[in-house]
């Protein structure tokens, strides 16, 4: 009976450590995922509304023929 209790305790501790390791791995990836999502959103907005070339203030608009 004593050996069984020790094995059960070790098994629970092993499962808990594996779960903690897996959760830590997932949490470490969250900042990279958020950064990638921001870059994708910016790229999509640039794709939908391309920037128009800016004219300098000192240049006159082209003359009509």
N, C-alpha and C. Protein backbone atom coordinates (compact mmCIF):
# COMPACT_ATOMS: atom_id res chain seq x y z
N UNK A 1 0.82 -1.20 0.00
CA UNK A 1 0.00 0.00 0.00
C UNK A 1 0.86 1.26 0.00
N UNK A 2 1.97 1.22 0.72
CA UNK A 2 2.83 2.40 0.80
C UNK A 2 3.46 2.71 -0.55
N UNK A 3 3.84 1.70 -1.28
CA UNK A 3 4.45 1.90 -2.58
C UNK A 3 3.46 2.49 -3.58
N UNK A 4 2.22 2.09 -3.50
CA UNK A 4 1.19 2.60 -4.41
C UNK A 4 0.93 4.07 -4.19
N UNK A 5 0.90 4.51 -2.94
CA UNK A 5 0.66 5.92 -2.63
C UNK A 5 1.80 6.78 -3.16
N UNK A 6 3.03 6.30 -3.02
CA UNK A 6 4.18 7.06 -3.50
C UNK A 6 4.13 7.17 -5.02
N UNK A 7 3.79 6.09 -5.70
CA UNK A 7 3.71 6.12 -7.16
C UNK A 7 2.60 7.07 -7.62
N UNK A 8 1.47 7.08 -6.92
CA UNK A 8 0.37 7.99 -7.28
C UNK A 8 0.80 9.44 -7.08
N UNK A 9 1.48 9.73 -5.99
CA UNK A 9 1.95 11.09 -5.73
C UNK A 9 2.95 11.52 -6.80
N UNK A 10 3.88 10.64 -7.14
CA UNK A 10 4.86 10.97 -8.18
C UNK A 10 4.19 11.16 -9.54
N UNK A 11 3.18 10.36 -9.83
CA UNK A 11 2.46 10.49 -11.10
C UNK A 11 1.73 11.83 -11.17
N UNK A 12 1.08 12.22 -10.08
CA UNK A 12 0.37 13.51 -10.05
C UNK A 12 1.35 14.66 -10.21
N UNK A 13 2.50 14.57 -9.53
CA UNK A 13 3.52 15.63 -9.65
C UNK A 13 4.07 15.69 -11.07
N UNK A 14 4.26 14.55 -11.69
CA UNK A 14 4.75 14.53 -13.07
C UNK A 14 3.76 15.13 -14.04
N UNK A 15 2.50 14.80 -13.89
CA UNK A 15 1.46 15.37 -14.76
C UNK A 15 1.36 16.87 -14.56
N UNK A 16 1.43 17.32 -13.30
CA UNK A 16 1.36 18.76 -13.02
C UNK A 16 2.54 19.50 -13.63
N UNK A 17 3.74 18.92 -13.56
CA UNK A 17 4.90 19.60 -14.14
C UNK A 17 4.82 19.66 -15.66
N UNK A 18 4.32 18.61 -16.29
CA UNK A 18 4.15 18.62 -17.75
C UNK A 18 3.10 19.66 -18.15
N UNK A 19 2.02 19.74 -17.41
CA UNK A 19 0.99 20.75 -17.71
C UNK A 19 1.53 22.17 -17.54
N UNK A 20 2.29 22.40 -16.46
CA UNK A 20 2.87 23.73 -16.26
C UNK A 20 3.84 24.08 -17.39
N UNK A 21 4.63 23.11 -17.83
CA UNK A 21 5.57 23.35 -18.93
C UNK A 21 4.83 23.69 -20.22
N UNK A 22 3.74 22.98 -20.48
CA UNK A 22 2.96 23.24 -21.69
C UNK A 22 2.29 24.61 -21.62
N UNK A 23 1.73 24.97 -20.47
CA UNK A 23 1.09 26.28 -20.32
C UNK A 23 2.11 27.40 -20.46
N UNK A 24 3.31 27.22 -19.89
CA UNK A 24 4.36 28.22 -20.03
C UNK A 24 4.75 28.41 -21.49
N UNK A 25 4.84 27.32 -22.24
CA UNK A 25 5.16 27.41 -23.66
C UNK A 25 4.10 28.18 -24.43
N UNK A 26 2.85 27.94 -24.12
CA UNK A 26 1.76 28.67 -24.80
C UNK A 26 1.79 30.15 -24.44
N UNK A 27 2.00 30.45 -23.17
CA UNK A 27 2.02 31.86 -22.74
C UNK A 27 3.21 32.61 -23.33
N UNK A 28 4.32 31.93 -23.54
CA UNK A 28 5.48 32.58 -24.15
C UNK A 28 5.23 32.96 -25.60
N UNK A 29 4.31 32.28 -26.27
CA UNK A 29 4.03 32.56 -27.67
C UNK A 29 3.02 33.67 -27.88
N UNK A 30 2.29 34.04 -26.85
CA UNK A 30 1.22 35.04 -27.00
C UNK A 30 1.73 36.39 -27.50
N UNK A 31 2.83 36.96 -26.96
CA UNK A 31 3.29 38.26 -27.49
C UNK A 31 3.64 38.22 -28.97
N UNK A 32 4.25 37.13 -29.43
CA UNK A 32 4.59 37.02 -30.85
C UNK A 32 3.33 36.94 -31.71
N UNK A 33 2.32 36.24 -31.23
CA UNK A 33 1.06 36.12 -31.98
C UNK A 33 0.38 37.48 -32.08
N UNK A 34 0.37 38.24 -30.98
CA UNK A 34 -0.26 39.56 -30.99
C UNK A 34 0.50 40.50 -31.93
N UNK A 35 1.83 40.44 -31.90
CA UNK A 35 2.62 41.29 -32.80
C UNK A 35 2.38 40.93 -34.26
N UNK A 36 2.30 39.65 -34.56
CA UNK A 36 2.04 39.22 -35.94
C UNK A 36 0.65 39.65 -36.39
N UNK A 37 -0.32 39.57 -35.49
CA UNK A 37 -1.68 39.99 -35.85
C UNK A 37 -1.71 41.49 -36.15
N UNK A 38 -0.96 42.28 -35.39
CA UNK A 38 -0.91 43.72 -35.65
C UNK A 38 -0.28 44.03 -37.01
N UNK A 39 0.80 43.31 -37.33
CA UNK A 39 1.43 43.51 -38.64
C UNK A 39 0.50 43.10 -39.77
N UNK A 40 -0.23 42.01 -39.60
CA UNK A 40 -1.17 41.56 -40.62
C UNK A 40 -2.29 42.58 -40.80
N UNK A 41 -2.79 43.15 -39.70
CA UNK A 41 -3.85 44.15 -39.78
C UNK A 41 -3.35 45.39 -40.52
N UNK A 42 -2.13 45.84 -40.22
CA UNK A 42 -1.59 47.02 -40.91
C UNK A 42 -1.40 46.75 -42.40
N UNK A 43 -0.92 45.57 -42.73
CA UNK A 43 -0.74 45.22 -44.14
C UNK A 43 -2.08 45.18 -44.87
N UNK A 44 -3.10 44.66 -44.22
CA UNK A 44 -4.43 44.60 -44.83
C UNK A 44 -4.97 46.00 -45.06
N UNK A 45 -4.78 46.89 -44.10
CA UNK A 45 -5.26 48.26 -44.26
C UNK A 45 -4.52 48.98 -45.38
N UNK A 46 -3.19 48.74 -45.49
CA UNK A 46 -2.43 49.33 -46.60
C UNK A 46 -2.91 48.77 -47.93
N UNK A 47 -3.28 47.50 -47.96
CA UNK A 47 -3.76 46.88 -49.19
C UNK A 47 -5.10 47.47 -49.61
N UNK A 48 -5.98 47.70 -48.65
CA UNK A 48 -7.31 48.22 -48.95
C UNK A 48 -7.25 49.69 -49.36
N UNK A 49 -6.39 50.48 -48.74
CA UNK A 49 -6.29 51.91 -49.03
C UNK A 49 -4.83 52.27 -49.29
N UNK A 50 -4.37 52.08 -50.52
CA UNK A 50 -2.98 52.44 -50.81
C UNK A 50 -2.80 53.95 -50.67
N UNK A 51 -1.64 54.33 -50.16
CA UNK A 51 -1.37 55.75 -49.96
C UNK A 51 -1.16 56.44 -51.31
N UNK A 52 -1.73 57.63 -51.43
CA UNK A 52 -1.54 58.43 -52.63
C UNK A 52 -0.21 59.18 -52.50
N UNK A 53 0.52 59.34 -53.59
CA UNK A 53 1.77 60.09 -53.49
C UNK A 53 1.48 61.54 -53.09
N UNK A 54 2.28 62.04 -52.17
CA UNK A 54 2.08 63.39 -51.67
C UNK A 54 2.74 64.40 -52.59
N UNK A 55 2.04 65.51 -52.87
CA UNK A 55 2.61 66.58 -53.68
C UNK A 55 3.22 67.60 -52.73
N UNK A 56 4.35 68.12 -53.12
CA UNK A 56 4.98 69.15 -52.30
C UNK A 56 4.15 70.42 -52.41
N UNK A 57 4.15 71.22 -51.36
CA UNK A 57 3.35 72.44 -51.34
C UNK A 57 3.85 73.48 -52.33
N UNK A 58 5.15 73.46 -52.65
CA UNK A 58 5.68 74.49 -53.54
C UNK A 58 5.45 74.15 -55.01
N UNK A 59 5.00 72.95 -55.33
CA UNK A 59 4.75 72.59 -56.70
C UNK A 59 3.33 72.96 -57.08
N UNK A 60 3.19 73.42 -58.32
CA UNK A 60 1.87 73.75 -58.82
C UNK A 60 1.27 72.52 -59.48
N UNK A 61 -0.05 72.40 -59.46
CA UNK A 61 -0.66 71.26 -60.13
C UNK A 61 -0.42 71.33 -61.62
N UNK A 62 -0.46 70.19 -62.31
CA UNK A 62 -0.22 70.21 -63.77
C UNK A 62 -1.29 71.06 -64.48
N UNK A 63 -0.85 71.73 -65.53
CA UNK A 63 -1.75 72.62 -66.26
C UNK A 63 -2.60 71.80 -67.24
N UNK A 64 -3.84 72.21 -67.40
CA UNK A 64 -4.74 71.51 -68.31
C UNK A 64 -4.41 71.93 -69.73
N UNK A 65 -4.48 71.02 -70.65
CA UNK A 65 -4.15 71.33 -72.04
C UNK A 65 -5.35 71.87 -72.78
